[in-house]
N, C-alpha and C. Protein backbone atom coordinates (compact mmCIF):
# COMPACT_ATOMS: atom_id res chain seq x y z
N MET A 1 30.86 22.95 8.30
CA MET A 1 30.47 23.49 7.01
C MET A 1 30.47 25.01 7.07
N SER A 2 31.07 25.61 6.09
CA SER A 2 31.11 27.06 6.01
C SER A 2 29.99 27.55 5.09
N ILE A 3 29.26 28.53 5.53
CA ILE A 3 28.17 29.09 4.74
C ILE A 3 28.63 30.40 4.13
N LYS A 4 28.51 30.51 2.81
CA LYS A 4 28.87 31.73 2.13
C LYS A 4 27.60 32.42 1.65
N GLY A 5 27.42 33.65 2.08
CA GLY A 5 26.27 34.43 1.66
C GLY A 5 26.62 35.28 0.47
N ILE A 6 25.69 35.36 -0.48
CA ILE A 6 25.91 36.18 -1.66
C ILE A 6 24.74 37.14 -1.86
N ARG A 7 25.02 38.25 -2.46
CA ARG A 7 24.01 39.29 -2.69
C ARG A 7 23.33 39.08 -4.05
N LEU A 8 22.26 39.83 -4.25
CA LEU A 8 21.43 39.70 -5.45
C LEU A 8 22.21 39.76 -6.76
N PRO A 9 23.10 40.73 -6.96
CA PRO A 9 23.80 40.76 -8.25
C PRO A 9 24.56 39.46 -8.56
N LYS A 10 25.14 38.85 -7.56
CA LYS A 10 25.86 37.59 -7.76
C LYS A 10 24.89 36.45 -8.05
N VAL A 11 23.74 36.44 -7.38
CA VAL A 11 22.71 35.41 -7.64
C VAL A 11 22.26 35.52 -9.10
N LEU A 12 22.03 36.74 -9.56
CA LEU A 12 21.60 36.95 -10.94
C LEU A 12 22.69 36.53 -11.92
N GLU A 13 23.93 36.81 -11.58
CA GLU A 13 25.06 36.41 -12.43
C GLU A 13 25.17 34.88 -12.51
N ILE A 14 25.07 34.22 -11.39
CA ILE A 14 25.19 32.76 -11.35
C ILE A 14 24.06 32.09 -12.12
N THR A 15 22.83 32.58 -11.93
CA THR A 15 21.67 31.94 -12.56
C THR A 15 21.43 32.40 -13.99
N GLY A 16 21.89 33.59 -14.32
CA GLY A 16 21.59 34.15 -15.64
C GLY A 16 20.15 34.62 -15.75
N ALA A 17 19.50 34.74 -14.62
CA ALA A 17 18.08 35.10 -14.57
C ALA A 17 17.90 36.61 -14.43
N SER A 18 16.68 37.05 -14.68
CA SER A 18 16.34 38.45 -14.44
C SER A 18 15.85 38.60 -13.00
N ARG A 19 15.89 39.80 -12.53
CA ARG A 19 15.43 40.10 -11.17
C ARG A 19 13.95 39.75 -11.00
N SER A 20 13.14 40.12 -11.99
CA SER A 20 11.70 39.85 -11.87
C SER A 20 11.40 38.35 -11.85
N TRP A 21 12.08 37.59 -12.71
CA TRP A 21 11.89 36.13 -12.72
C TRP A 21 12.27 35.54 -11.37
N LEU A 22 13.42 36.00 -10.86
CA LEU A 22 13.90 35.48 -9.58
C LEU A 22 12.87 35.68 -8.47
N TYR A 23 12.34 36.88 -8.37
CA TYR A 23 11.36 37.15 -7.31
C TYR A 23 10.04 36.41 -7.52
N GLN A 24 9.68 36.16 -8.78
CA GLN A 24 8.48 35.35 -9.05
C GLN A 24 8.70 33.92 -8.55
N GLU A 25 9.88 33.38 -8.81
CA GLU A 25 10.20 32.03 -8.37
C GLU A 25 10.27 31.94 -6.85
N ILE A 26 10.81 32.96 -6.21
CA ILE A 26 10.85 32.98 -4.75
C ILE A 26 9.44 33.00 -4.18
N ALA A 27 8.58 33.85 -4.75
CA ALA A 27 7.19 33.96 -4.27
C ALA A 27 6.44 32.64 -4.44
N ALA A 28 6.79 31.89 -5.48
CA ALA A 28 6.14 30.60 -5.73
C ALA A 28 6.83 29.45 -5.00
N ASN A 29 7.80 29.76 -4.17
CA ASN A 29 8.57 28.75 -3.41
C ASN A 29 9.27 27.74 -4.31
N ARG A 30 9.74 28.20 -5.48
CA ARG A 30 10.49 27.33 -6.38
C ARG A 30 11.97 27.68 -6.40
N PHE A 31 12.36 28.70 -5.68
CA PHE A 31 13.75 29.14 -5.64
C PHE A 31 14.14 29.34 -4.18
N PRO A 32 15.40 29.11 -3.85
CA PRO A 32 15.82 29.28 -2.45
C PRO A 32 15.46 30.66 -1.89
N GLN A 33 14.97 30.67 -0.69
CA GLN A 33 14.56 31.90 -0.04
C GLN A 33 15.78 32.70 0.43
N PRO A 34 15.69 34.02 0.34
CA PRO A 34 16.79 34.83 0.87
C PRO A 34 16.81 34.79 2.39
N VAL A 35 17.96 35.14 2.94
CA VAL A 35 18.14 35.22 4.39
C VAL A 35 18.15 36.69 4.77
N LEU A 36 17.26 37.06 5.65
CA LEU A 36 17.15 38.46 6.08
C LEU A 36 18.25 38.76 7.10
N LEU A 37 19.09 39.73 6.76
CA LEU A 37 20.15 40.15 7.68
C LEU A 37 19.74 41.39 8.49
N GLY A 38 18.89 42.18 7.91
CA GLY A 38 18.41 43.40 8.54
C GLY A 38 17.14 43.83 7.85
N LYS A 39 16.65 45.01 8.16
CA LYS A 39 15.38 45.46 7.58
C LYS A 39 15.42 45.52 6.06
N ARG A 40 16.57 45.89 5.50
CA ARG A 40 16.67 46.03 4.05
C ARG A 40 17.89 45.32 3.49
N SER A 41 18.33 44.30 4.14
CA SER A 41 19.53 43.61 3.72
C SER A 41 19.29 42.10 3.70
N VAL A 42 19.48 41.51 2.52
CA VAL A 42 19.30 40.07 2.38
C VAL A 42 20.49 39.47 1.65
N ILE A 43 20.70 38.18 1.88
CA ILE A 43 21.68 37.40 1.15
C ILE A 43 21.02 36.07 0.79
N TRP A 44 21.67 35.34 -0.09
CA TRP A 44 21.29 33.98 -0.38
C TRP A 44 22.45 33.09 -0.01
N VAL A 45 22.16 31.87 0.39
CA VAL A 45 23.21 30.91 0.70
C VAL A 45 23.70 30.36 -0.65
N GLU A 46 24.97 30.59 -0.93
CA GLU A 46 25.53 30.23 -2.23
C GLU A 46 25.30 28.76 -2.57
N GLN A 47 25.52 27.86 -1.63
CA GLN A 47 25.36 26.43 -1.89
C GLN A 47 23.92 26.08 -2.26
N GLU A 48 22.96 26.77 -1.67
CA GLU A 48 21.55 26.52 -2.02
C GLU A 48 21.28 26.90 -3.47
N ILE A 49 21.93 27.95 -3.96
CA ILE A 49 21.76 28.36 -5.35
C ILE A 49 22.36 27.29 -6.27
N PHE A 50 23.56 26.81 -5.94
CA PHE A 50 24.18 25.76 -6.75
C PHE A 50 23.36 24.48 -6.71
N ASP A 51 22.82 24.12 -5.56
CA ASP A 51 21.97 22.93 -5.43
C ASP A 51 20.72 23.07 -6.29
N TYR A 52 20.11 24.25 -6.26
CA TYR A 52 18.92 24.53 -7.07
C TYR A 52 19.25 24.32 -8.56
N LEU A 53 20.37 24.91 -9.02
CA LEU A 53 20.74 24.79 -10.43
C LEU A 53 21.04 23.34 -10.81
N GLU A 54 21.71 22.63 -9.94
CA GLU A 54 22.02 21.23 -10.21
C GLU A 54 20.72 20.43 -10.38
N GLU A 55 19.75 20.68 -9.53
CA GLU A 55 18.47 19.97 -9.62
C GLU A 55 17.73 20.33 -10.91
N ARG A 56 17.79 21.59 -11.30
CA ARG A 56 17.14 22.02 -12.55
C ARG A 56 17.80 21.34 -13.75
N VAL A 57 19.11 21.21 -13.74
CA VAL A 57 19.82 20.53 -14.83
C VAL A 57 19.36 19.07 -14.89
N LYS A 58 19.29 18.41 -13.75
CA LYS A 58 18.84 17.01 -13.72
C LYS A 58 17.43 16.88 -14.28
N GLN A 59 16.53 17.77 -13.86
CA GLN A 59 15.15 17.73 -14.34
C GLN A 59 15.09 17.95 -15.84
N SER A 60 15.88 18.89 -16.32
CA SER A 60 15.90 19.20 -17.74
C SER A 60 16.42 18.01 -18.55
N ARG A 61 17.50 17.41 -18.10
CA ARG A 61 18.08 16.26 -18.80
C ARG A 61 17.10 15.09 -18.82
N HIS A 62 16.43 14.88 -17.70
CA HIS A 62 15.45 13.80 -17.61
C HIS A 62 14.30 14.06 -18.59
N ALA A 63 13.81 15.28 -18.64
CA ALA A 63 12.71 15.63 -19.54
C ALA A 63 13.13 15.42 -20.99
N LEU A 64 14.35 15.80 -21.35
CA LEU A 64 14.82 15.62 -22.71
C LEU A 64 14.96 14.14 -23.06
N GLN A 65 15.43 13.34 -22.12
CA GLN A 65 15.55 11.91 -22.36
C GLN A 65 14.19 11.27 -22.54
N THR A 66 13.24 11.69 -21.73
CA THR A 66 11.87 11.16 -21.79
C THR A 66 11.22 11.52 -23.12
N GLN A 67 11.42 12.75 -23.59
CA GLN A 67 10.85 13.17 -24.87
C GLN A 67 11.45 12.37 -26.02
N GLY A 68 12.74 12.08 -25.92
CA GLY A 68 13.42 11.35 -26.98
C GLY A 68 12.95 9.91 -27.13
N ARG A 69 12.33 9.37 -26.11
CA ARG A 69 11.86 7.97 -26.13
C ARG A 69 10.48 7.83 -26.70
N LYS A 70 9.78 8.90 -26.90
CA LYS A 70 8.39 8.82 -27.39
C LYS A 70 8.33 8.59 -28.86
């Protein structure tokens, strides 16, 4: 398996999120943690970001289906 690391601007582009929201989610352990490359250099594992989004879509679809049944 090949691991592709991506930087913050790409993470924000993929998620459509703001920087502040992203860091709030990281602090709350609801978003994939960055990988520290050096003292001031981090990346995210691209596949973890896609997995996170896929799970959020599933949760959202399930919630909408559940609401529709009430």
